[in-house]
Amino acid sequence: MKPRLPYLAGALLALNLAFFGLAIVPARQALRVHAAAFQDLHARMGSLRREQREQELLASLLKGMEQFRSRIPPQGAIPAMIRRVTDQARRLQLHVPSVKYQPGDVSEEELVKLSVQMEVEGRYGAVRRFLYEVEGLQDPMMVERLVLTSQRGIDRLNLRLEMAAYFLAEQRISRQVAEEHVKENRPLVEK
């Protein structure tokens, strides 16, 4: 039996080596391939998540922009808007020595920017309340710059505001009205 033992041990060793070569080595290589594929998928999932967040942010921005755009009044609302601001100043017993406004250019052709420069004079409490009221107006008017001055020995303040408002251009309004009339099968000029 002793002479068979080395042959049996050699045969078992050969079987182990064959098993290792035929089963374990390809399995390790497959494991490496699968690990690389897993890493690629993990990286792709990360990029897809980032892309999804970017798309959600873009959708949110577009929705906000559309909401802002829907709040923009027609250009014909300019005098009423300025009248509301000056009436508010007068209700607070502020003196309004001047109001100037002029249209400006906006890169987007559908909008018109209106720059409004306004001066008011009065007591501190009234000027402060006026600023609070202007900031709370539903009009699309934004304060771009303000200068507050006082003279020594006088309890009155002078407030110079530079505001901006954006309006729909008249072309777009006319186009919207025409589209509504076409939808309703009505002529633009009714007889």
C-alpha atoms as a PDB file:
ATOM      1  CA  MET A   1       0.000   0.000   0.000  1.00  0.00           C
ATOM      2  CA  LYS A   2       2.886   2.249   0.514  1.00  0.00           C
ATOM      3  CA  PRO A   3       3.813   2.461  -3.145  1.00  0.00           C
ATOM      4  CA  ARG A   4       0.247   3.506  -3.978  1.00  0.00           C
ATOM      5  CA  LEU A   5       0.149   6.318  -1.458  1.00  0.00           C
ATOM      6  CA  PRO A   6       2.468   8.657  -3.412  1.00  0.00           C
ATOM      7  CA  TYR A   7       0.450   7.963  -6.571  1.00  0.00           C
ATOM      8  CA  LEU A   8      -2.802   8.594  -4.749  1.00  0.00           C
ATOM      9  CA  ALA A   9      -1.406  11.802  -3.237  1.00  0.00           C
ATOM     10  CA  GLY A  10      -0.151  12.866  -6.670  1.00  0.00           C
ATOM     11  CA  ALA A  11      -3.538  12.077  -8.222  1.00  0.00           C
ATOM     12  CA  LEU A  12      -5.340  14.102  -5.531  1.00  0.00           C
ATOM     13  CA  LEU A  13      -2.894  16.945  -6.039  1.00  0.00           C
ATOM     14  CA  ALA A  14      -3.465  16.819  -9.795  1.00  0.00           C
ATOM     15  CA  LEU A  15      -7.239  16.839  -9.237  1.00  0.00           C
ATOM     16  CA  ASN A  16      -6.934  19.826  -6.883  1.00  0.00           C
ATOM     17  CA  LEU A  17      -4.763  21.673  -9.385  1.00  0.00           C
ATOM     18  CA  ALA A  18      -7.197  20.875 -12.194  1.00  0.00           C
ATOM     19  CA  PHE A  19     -10.141  22.045 -10.066  1.00  0.00           C
ATOM     20  CA  PHE A  20      -8.241  25.206  -9.150  1.00  0.00           C
ATOM     21  CA  GLY A  21      -7.324  25.869 -12.783  1.00  0.00           C
ATOM     22  CA  LEU A  22     -10.775  25.063 -14.205  1.00  0.00           C
ATOM     23  CA  ALA A  23     -13.064  26.471 -11.498  1.00  0.00           C
ATOM     24  CA  ILE A  24     -11.339  28.929  -9.165  1.00  0.00           C
ATOM     25  CA  VAL A  25      -9.234  30.935 -11.644  1.00  0.00           C
ATOM     26  CA  PRO A  26     -12.159  31.649 -14.035  1.00  0.00           C
ATOM     27  CA  ALA A  27     -14.362  32.465 -11.045  1.00  0.00           C
ATOM     28  CA  ARG A  28     -11.810  35.012  -9.795  1.00  0.00           C
ATOM     29  CA  GLN A  29     -11.583  36.549 -13.258  1.00  0.00           C
ATOM     30  CA  ALA A  30     -15.389  36.695 -13.486  1.00  0.00           C
ATOM     31  CA  LEU A  31     -15.456  38.308 -10.043  1.00  0.00           C
ATOM     32  CA  ARG A  32     -13.029  41.007 -11.252  1.00  0.00           C
ATOM     33  CA  VAL A  33     -15.146  41.601 -14.359  1.00  0.00           C
ATOM     34  CA  HIS A  34     -18.329  41.802 -12.264  1.00  0.00           C
ATOM     35  CA  ALA A  35     -16.649  44.137  -9.745  1.00  0.00           C
ATOM     36  CA  ALA A  36     -15.586  46.466 -12.575  1.00  0.00           C
ATOM     37  CA  ALA A  37     -19.107  46.363 -14.037  1.00  0.00           C
ATOM     38  CA  PHE A  38     -20.530  47.094 -10.580  1.00  0.00           C
ATOM     39  CA  GLN A  39     -18.238  50.107 -10.197  1.00  0.00           C
ATOM     40  CA  ASP A  40     -19.281  51.366 -13.628  1.00  0.00           C
ATOM     41  CA  LEU A  41     -22.962  50.967 -12.716  1.00  0.00           C
ATOM     42  CA  HIS A  42     -22.392  52.710  -9.399  1.00  0.00           C
ATOM     43  CA  ALA A  43     -20.715  55.643 -11.164  1.00  0.00           C
ATOM     44  CA  ARG A  44     -23.526  55.750 -13.745  1.00  0.00           C
ATOM     45  CA  MET A  45     -26.148  55.754 -10.966  1.00  0.00           C
ATOM     46  CA  GLY A  46     -24.350  58.703  -9.334  1.00  0.00           C
ATOM     47  CA  SER A  47     -24.307  60.641 -12.587  1.00  0.00           C
ATOM     48  CA  LEU A  48     -27.990  59.808 -13.201  1.00  0.00           C
ATOM     49  CA  ARG A  49     -28.870  61.060  -9.696  1.00  0.00           C
ATOM     50  CA  ARG A  50     -26.973  64.301 -10.341  1.00  0.00           C
ATOM     51  CA  GLU A  51     -28.698  64.646 -13.695  1.00  0.00           C
ATOM     52  CA  GLN A  52     -32.092  64.035 -12.061  1.00  0.00           C
ATOM     53  CA  ARG A  53     -31.386  66.717  -9.416  1.00  0.00           C
ATOM     54  CA  GLU A  54     -30.314  69.128 -12.164  1.00  0.00           C
ATOM     55  CA  GLN A  55     -33.480  68.405 -14.140  1.00  0.00           C
ATOM     56  CA  GLU A  56     -35.630  68.904 -11.034  1.00  0.00           C
ATOM     57  CA  LEU A  57     -33.851  72.191 -10.346  1.00  0.00           C
ATOM     58  CA  LEU A  58     -34.324  73.281 -13.958  1.00  0.00           C
ATOM     59  CA  ALA A  59     -38.021  72.342 -13.828  1.00  0.00           C
ATOM     60  CA  SER A  60     -38.375  74.299 -10.591  1.00  0.00           C
ATOM     61  CA  LEU A  61     -36.635  77.321 -12.126  1.00  0.00           C
ATOM     62  CA  LEU A  62     -38.805  77.142 -15.238  1.00  0.00           C
ATOM     63  CA  LYS A  63     -41.939  76.910 -13.101  1.00  0.00           C
ATOM     64  CA  GLY A  64     -40.818  79.901 -11.030  1.00  0.00           C
ATOM     65  CA  MET A  65     -40.010  81.840 -14.174  1.00  0.00           C
ATOM     66  CA  GLU A  66     -43.440  81.070 -15.617  1.00  0.00           C
ATOM     67  CA  GLN A  67     -45.104  82.153 -12.367  1.00  0.00           C
ATOM     68  CA  PHE A  68     -43.099  85.386 -12.444  1.00  0.00           C
ATOM     69  CA  ARG A  69     -43.959  85.929 -16.078  1.00  0.00           C
ATOM     70  CA  SER A  70     -47.666  85.378 -15.422  1.00  0.00           C
ATOM     71  CA  ARG A  71     -47.580  88.145 -12.787  1.00  0.00           C
ATOM     72  CA  ILE A  72     -46.139  90.709 -15.196  1.00  0.00           C
ATOM     73  CA  PRO A  73     -48.891  93.209 -16.041  1.00  0.00           C
ATOM     74  CA  PRO A  74     -49.422  94.855 -19.417  1.00  0.00           C
ATOM     75  CA  GLN A  75     -47.591  98.065 -20.199  1.00  0.00           C
ATOM     76  CA  GLY A  76     -50.817 100.074 -19.915  1.00  0.00           C
ATOM     77  CA  ALA A  77     -50.751  99.544 -16.143  1.00  0.00           C
ATOM     78  CA  ILE A  78     -47.799 101.921 -15.663  1.00  0.00           C
ATOM     79  CA  PRO A  79     -49.735 105.068 -14.634  1.00  0.00           C
ATOM     80  CA  ALA A  80     -51.959 103.167 -12.209  1.00  0.00           C
ATOM     81  CA  MET A  81     -48.967 101.518 -10.566  1.00  0.00           C
ATOM     82  CA  ILE A  82     -47.128 104.822 -10.093  1.00  0.00           C
ATOM     83  CA  ARG A  83     -50.331 106.457  -8.842  1.00  0.00           C
ATOM     84  CA  ARG A  84     -50.680 103.713  -6.182  1.00  0.00           C
ATOM     85  CA  VAL A  85     -47.137 104.349  -4.958  1.00  0.00           C
ATOM     86  CA  THR A  86     -47.551 108.139  -4.811  1.00  0.00           C
ATOM     87  CA  ASP A  87     -50.974 107.818  -3.155  1.00  0.00           C
ATOM     88  CA  GLN A  88     -49.397 105.561  -0.536  1.00  0.00           C
ATOM     89  CA  ALA A  89     -46.732 108.211   0.155  1.00  0.00           C
ATOM     90  CA  ARG A  90     -49.361 110.925   0.486  1.00  0.00           C
ATOM     91  CA  ARG A  91     -51.497 108.776   2.818  1.00  0.00           C
ATOM     92  CA  LEU A  92     -48.452 108.581   5.071  1.00  0.00           C
ATOM     93  CA  GLN A  93     -48.230 112.396   4.936  1.00  0.00           C
ATOM     94  CA  LEU A  94     -45.045 112.404   2.910  1.00  0.00           C
ATOM     95  CA  HIS A  95     -44.271 115.171   0.449  1.00  0.00           C
ATOM     96  CA  VAL A  96     -43.598 113.864  -3.091  1.00  0.00           C
ATOM     97  CA  PRO A  97     -41.576 116.534  -4.918  1.00  0.00           C
ATOM     98  CA  SER A  98     -40.872 114.456  -8.030  1.00  0.00           C
ATOM     99  CA  VAL A  99     -41.619 111.222  -9.830  1.00  0.00           C
ATOM    100  CA  LYS A 100     -39.839 110.436 -13.090  1.00  0.00           C
ATOM    101  CA  TYR A 101     -40.109 107.333 -15.173  1.00  0.00           C
ATOM    102  CA  GLN A 102     -38.781 106.161 -18.481  1.00  0.00           C
ATOM    103  CA  PRO A 103     -38.837 102.866 -20.339  1.00  0.00           C
ATOM    104  CA  GLY A 104     -35.586 100.990 -20.699  1.00  0.00           C
ATOM    105  CA  ASP A 105     -34.280  98.123 -22.751  1.00  0.00           C
ATOM    106  CA  VAL A 106     -34.434  94.476 -21.726  1.00  0.00           C
ATOM    107  CA  SER A 107     -32.626  91.724 -23.580  1.00  0.00           C
ATOM    108  CA  GLU A 108     -35.831  89.740 -23.899  1.00  0.00           C
ATOM    109  CA  GLU A 109     -38.029  91.332 -26.553  1.00  0.00           C
ATOM    110  CA  GLU A 110     -41.309  90.521 -24.818  1.00  0.00           C
ATOM    111  CA  LEU A 111     -40.522  92.672 -21.767  1.00  0.00           C
ATOM    112  CA  VAL A 112     -40.189  96.384 -21.197  1.00  0.00           C
ATOM    113  CA  LYS A 113     -38.268  97.673 -18.199  1.00  0.00           C
ATOM    114  CA  LEU A 114     -39.553 100.833 -16.612  1.00  0.00           C
ATOM    115  CA  SER A 115     -37.153 102.779 -14.412  1.00  0.00           C
ATOM    116  CA  VAL A 116     -38.891 104.920 -11.804  1.00  0.00           C
ATOM    117  CA  GLN A 117     -37.119 107.601  -9.796  1.00  0.00           C
ATOM    118  CA  MET A 118     -39.065 109.023  -6.912  1.00  0.00           C
ATOM    119  CA  GLU A 119     -38.333 111.401  -4.068  1.00  0.00           C
ATOM    120  CA  VAL A 120     -40.306 111.635  -0.843  1.00  0.00           C
ATOM    121  CA  GLU A 121     -39.767 113.787   2.208  1.00  0.00           C
ATOM    122  CA  GLY A 122     -41.135 113.393   5.703  1.00  0.00           C
ATOM    123  CA  ARG A 123     -40.658 112.159   9.230  1.00  0.00           C
ATOM    124  CA  TYR A 124     -38.604 109.035   9.893  1.00  0.00           C
ATOM    125  CA  GLY A 125     -41.582 106.868  10.911  1.00  0.00           C
ATOM    126  CA  ALA A 126     -43.554 107.786   7.801  1.00  0.00           C
ATOM    127  CA  VAL A 127     -40.558 107.211   5.498  1.00  0.00           C
ATOM    128  CA  ARG A 128     -39.901 103.860   7.131  1.00  0.00           C
ATOM    129  CA  ARG A 129     -43.561 102.841   6.785  1.00  0.00           C
ATOM    130  CA  PHE A 130     -43.545 103.979   3.144  1.00  0.00           C
ATOM    131  CA  LEU A 131     -40.534 101.765   2.374  1.00  0.00           C
ATOM    132  CA  TYR A 132     -42.275  98.848   4.066  1.00  0.00           C
ATOM    133  CA  GLU A 133     -45.419  99.478   2.007  1.00  0.00           C
ATOM    134  CA  VAL A 134     -43.497  99.773  -1.280  1.00  0.00           C
ATOM    135  CA  GLU A 135     -41.711  96.479  -0.606  1.00  0.00           C
ATOM    136  CA  GLY A 136     -45.056  94.803   0.116  1.00  0.00           C
ATOM    137  CA  LEU A 137     -46.861  96.006  -3.013  1.00  0.00           C
ATOM    138  CA  GLN A 138     -48.177  93.347  -5.352  1.00  0.00           C
ATOM    139  CA  ASP A 139     -46.972  95.395  -8.311  1.00  0.00           C
ATOM    140  CA  PRO A 140     -43.904  94.037 -10.067  1.00  0.00           C
ATOM    141  CA  MET A 141     -41.873  96.969  -8.796  1.00  0.00           C
ATOM    142  CA  MET A 142     -38.515  96.342  -7.192  1.00  0.00           C
ATOM    143  CA  VAL A 143     -36.352  98.816  -5.311  1.00  0.00           C
ATOM    144  CA  GLU A 144     -32.979  98.859  -7.016  1.00  0.00           C
ATOM    145  CA  ARG A 145     -31.366 101.690  -5.098  1.00  0.00           C
ATOM    146  CA  LEU A 146     -32.268 104.107  -2.355  1.00  0.00           C
ATOM    147  CA  VAL A 147     -30.578 107.118  -0.838  1.00  0.00           C
ATOM    148  CA  LEU A 148     -31.680 108.450   2.536  1.00  0.00           C
ATOM    149  CA  THR A 149     -30.473 111.894   3.571  1.00  0.00           C
ATOM    150  CA  SER A 150     -31.231 114.318   6.361  1.00  0.00           C
ATOM    151  CA  GLN A 151     -30.231 117.863   7.110  1.00  0.00           C
ATOM    152  CA  ARG A 152     -28.702 118.816  10.413  1.00  0.00           C
ATOM    153  CA  GLY A 153     -31.242 120.294  12.799  1.00  0.00           C
ATOM    154  CA  ILE A 154     -34.275 119.255  10.737  1.00  0.00           C
ATOM    155  CA  ASP A 155     -36.345 116.227  11.705  1.00  0.00           C
ATOM    156  CA  ARG A 156     -37.352 115.478   8.124  1.00  0.00           C
ATOM    157  CA  LEU A 157     -35.710 112.897   5.890  1.00  0.00           C
ATOM    158  CA  ASN A 158     -35.339 112.913   2.143  1.00  0.00           C
ATOM    159  CA  LEU A 159     -35.647 109.511   0.456  1.00  0.00           C
ATOM    160  CA  ARG A 160     -34.667 109.076  -3.183  1.00  0.00           C
ATOM    161  CA  LEU A 161     -35.763 105.734  -4.627  1.00  0.00           C
ATOM    162  CA  GLU A 162     -34.753 104.139  -7.884  1.00  0.00           C
ATOM    163  CA  MET A 163     -37.142 101.342  -8.733  1.00  0.00           C
ATOM    164  CA  ALA A 164     -37.656  99.071 -11.710  1.00  0.00           C
ATOM    165  CA  ALA A 165     -40.780  97.415 -13.018  1.00  0.00           C
ATOM    166  CA  TYR A 166     -41.123  94.961 -15.879  1.00  0.00           C
ATOM    167  CA  PHE A 167     -44.099  94.908 -18.222  1.00  0.00           C
ATOM    168  CA  LEU A 168     -45.223  92.898 -21.185  1.00  0.00           C
ATOM    169  CA  ALA A 169     -44.493  94.650 -24.445  1.00  0.00           C
ATOM    170  CA  GLU A 170     -47.545  95.889 -26.334  1.00  0.00           C
ATOM    171  CA  GLN A 171     -46.745  93.548 -29.259  1.00  0.00           C
ATOM    172  CA  ARG A 172     -47.186  90.499 -27.068  1.00  0.00           C
ATOM    173  CA  ILE A 173     -50.437  91.806 -25.606  1.00  0.00           C
ATOM    174  CA  SER A 174     -51.801  92.442 -29.108  1.00  0.00           C
ATOM    175  CA  ARG A 175     -50.723  88.940 -30.152  1.00  0.00           C
ATOM    176  CA  GLN A 176     -52.443  87.404 -27.103  1.00  0.00           C
ATOM    177  CA  VAL A 177     -55.669  89.304 -27.780  1.00  0.00           C
ATOM    178  CA  ALA A 178     -55.587  88.249 -31.443  1.00  0.00           C
ATOM    179  CA  GLU A 179     -55.029  84.604 -30.445  1.00  0.00           C
ATOM    180  CA  GLU A 180     -57.984  84.737 -28.038  1.00  0.00           C
ATOM    181  CA  HIS A 181     -60.221  86.219 -30.733  1.00  0.00           C
ATOM    182  CA  VAL A 182     -59.136  83.563 -33.238  1.00  0.00           C
ATOM    183  CA  LYS A 183     -59.868  80.805 -30.702  1.00  0.00           C
ATOM    184  CA  GLU A 184     -63.354  82.195 -30.151  1.00  0.00           C
ATOM    185  CA  ASN A 185     -63.925  82.803 -33.905  1.00  0.00           C
ATOM    186  CA  ARG A 186     -64.529  86.504 -33.274  1.00  0.00           C
ATOM    187  CA  PRO A 187     -63.263  89.342 -35.466  1.00  0.00           C
ATOM    188  CA  LEU A 188     -60.620  91.600 -33.949  1.00  0.00           C
ATOM    189  CA  VAL A 189     -62.724  94.693 -34.560  1.00  0.00           C
ATOM    190  CA  GLU A 190     -66.333  94.232 -33.614  1.00  0.00           C
ATOM    191  CA  LYS A 191     -68.925  96.195 -35.587  1.00  0.00           C
END
